[in-house]
C-alpha atoms as a PDB file:
ATOM      1  CA  UNK A   1       0.279  -0.064  -0.180  1.00  0.00           C
ATOM      2  CA  UNK A   2       1.223   3.387  -0.585  1.00  0.00           C
ATOM      3  CA  UNK A   3      -0.745   5.465   1.881  1.00  0.00           C
ATOM      4  CA  UNK A   4      -4.009   7.108   1.769  1.00  0.00           C
ATOM      5  CA  UNK A   5      -6.415   9.725  -0.044  1.00  0.00           C
ATOM      6  CA  UNK A   6      -9.243  11.196   2.294  1.00  0.00           C
ATOM      7  CA  UNK A   7     -12.684  12.445   0.927  1.00  0.00           C
ATOM      8  CA  UNK A   8     -12.590  16.159   1.167  1.00  0.00           C
ATOM      9  CA  UNK A   9     -15.823  16.547  -0.792  1.00  0.00           C
ATOM     10  CA  UNK A  10     -19.018  14.384  -0.738  1.00  0.00           C
ATOM     11  CA  UNK A  11     -20.197  12.990  -3.947  1.00  0.00           C
ATOM     12  CA  UNK A  12     -22.114   9.823  -5.466  1.00  0.00           C
ATOM     13  CA  UNK A  13     -22.267   8.114  -2.560  1.00  0.00           C
ATOM     14  CA  UNK A  14     -18.921   9.055  -0.985  1.00  0.00           C
ATOM     15  CA  UNK A  15     -18.888  10.483   2.271  1.00  0.00           C
ATOM     16  CA  UNK A  16     -16.773  13.428   3.480  1.00  0.00           C
ATOM     17  CA  UNK A  17     -13.877  11.929   5.727  1.00  0.00           C
ATOM     18  CA  UNK A  18     -14.080   8.505   4.063  1.00  0.00           C
ATOM     19  CA  UNK A  19     -10.458   7.069   3.740  1.00  0.00           C
ATOM     20  CA  UNK A  20      -9.296   4.853   1.005  1.00  0.00           C
ATOM     21  CA  UNK A  21      -6.229   3.213   0.435  1.00  0.00           C
ATOM     22  CA  UNK A  22      -3.745   3.981  -2.208  1.00  0.00           C
ATOM     23  CA  UNK A  23      -2.903   1.080  -4.349  1.00  0.00           C
ATOM     24  CA  UNK A  24      -0.739   2.909  -6.842  1.00  0.00           C
ATOM     25  CA  UNK A  25       1.170   6.287  -7.266  1.00  0.00           C
ATOM     26  CA  UNK A  26       3.219   8.292  -9.660  1.00  0.00           C
ATOM     27  CA  UNK A  27       3.885  12.114 -10.100  1.00  0.00           C
ATOM     28  CA  UNK A  28       0.356  12.729 -11.111  1.00  0.00           C
ATOM     29  CA  UNK A  29      -2.370  10.433 -10.073  1.00  0.00           C
ATOM     30  CA  UNK A  30      -3.441   8.070  -7.391  1.00  0.00           C
ATOM     31  CA  UNK A  31      -5.118   5.210  -8.141  1.00  0.00           C
ATOM     32  CA  UNK A  32      -7.708   3.472  -5.451  1.00  0.00           C
ATOM     33  CA  UNK A  33     -10.989   0.984  -5.778  1.00  0.00           C
ATOM     34  CA  UNK A  34     -13.810   2.957  -5.722  1.00  0.00           C
ATOM     35  CA  UNK A  35     -17.148   1.442  -6.003  1.00  0.00           C
ATOM     36  CA  UNK A  36     -15.934  -2.064  -7.320  1.00  0.00           C
ATOM     37  CA  UNK A  37     -13.757  -0.136 -10.456  1.00  0.00           C
ATOM     38  CA  UNK A  38     -10.420   1.082 -10.113  1.00  0.00           C
ATOM     39  CA  UNK A  39      -9.973   4.503 -10.253  1.00  0.00           C
ATOM     40  CA  UNK A  40      -7.435   7.378 -11.056  1.00  0.00           C
ATOM     41  CA  UNK A  41      -7.512  10.310  -9.074  1.00  0.00           C
ATOM     42  CA  UNK A  42      -5.723  13.536 -10.131  1.00  0.00           C
ATOM     43  CA  UNK A  43      -3.259  14.691  -7.647  1.00  0.00           C
ATOM     44  CA  UNK A  44      -3.641  18.448  -8.759  1.00  0.00           C
ATOM     45  CA  UNK A  45      -7.316  18.592  -8.825  1.00  0.00           C
ATOM     46  CA  UNK A  46      -7.965  15.858  -6.746  1.00  0.00           C
ATOM     47  CA  UNK A  47     -10.870  14.351  -8.884  1.00  0.00           C
ATOM     48  CA  UNK A  48     -11.179  10.906 -10.535  1.00  0.00           C
ATOM     49  CA  UNK A  49      -9.702  11.544 -13.824  1.00  0.00           C
ATOM     50  CA  UNK A  50     -12.552  11.760 -16.616  1.00  0.00           C
ATOM     51  CA  UNK A  51     -15.474  12.770 -14.128  1.00  0.00           C
ATOM     52  CA  UNK A  52     -17.260  16.384 -14.463  1.00  0.00           C
ATOM     53  CA  UNK A  53     -18.320  16.092 -10.826  1.00  0.00           C
ATOM     54  CA  UNK A  54     -18.164  13.610  -7.534  1.00  0.00           C
ATOM     55  CA  UNK A  55     -16.353  13.267  -4.744  1.00  0.00           C
ATOM     56  CA  UNK A  56     -12.762  15.012  -4.332  1.00  0.00           C
ATOM     57  CA  UNK A  57      -9.971  13.597  -2.481  1.00  0.00           C
ATOM     58  CA  UNK A  58      -6.144  14.829  -0.813  1.00  0.00           C
ATOM     59  CA  UNK A  59      -3.752  13.144   0.930  1.00  0.00           C
ATOM     60  CA  UNK A  60      -3.594  13.367   4.544  1.00  0.00           C
ATOM     61  CA  UNK A  61      -1.087  16.170   6.510  1.00  0.00           C
ATOM     62  CA  UNK A  62       1.954  14.093   8.051  1.00  0.00           C
END
């Protein structure tokens, strides 16, 4: 596991404060398991790539 991301803006059944383990990451994205599918989260925007609406994520402060 590469760490976790936290939901900071609720949407599509994901509640604010929910924590998701990061399965993979690189310089631009985190990959998490979200709703039974692997999704890429932009580190810059915190949004699921390809989604205009929905939850927003960030890495917790260290």
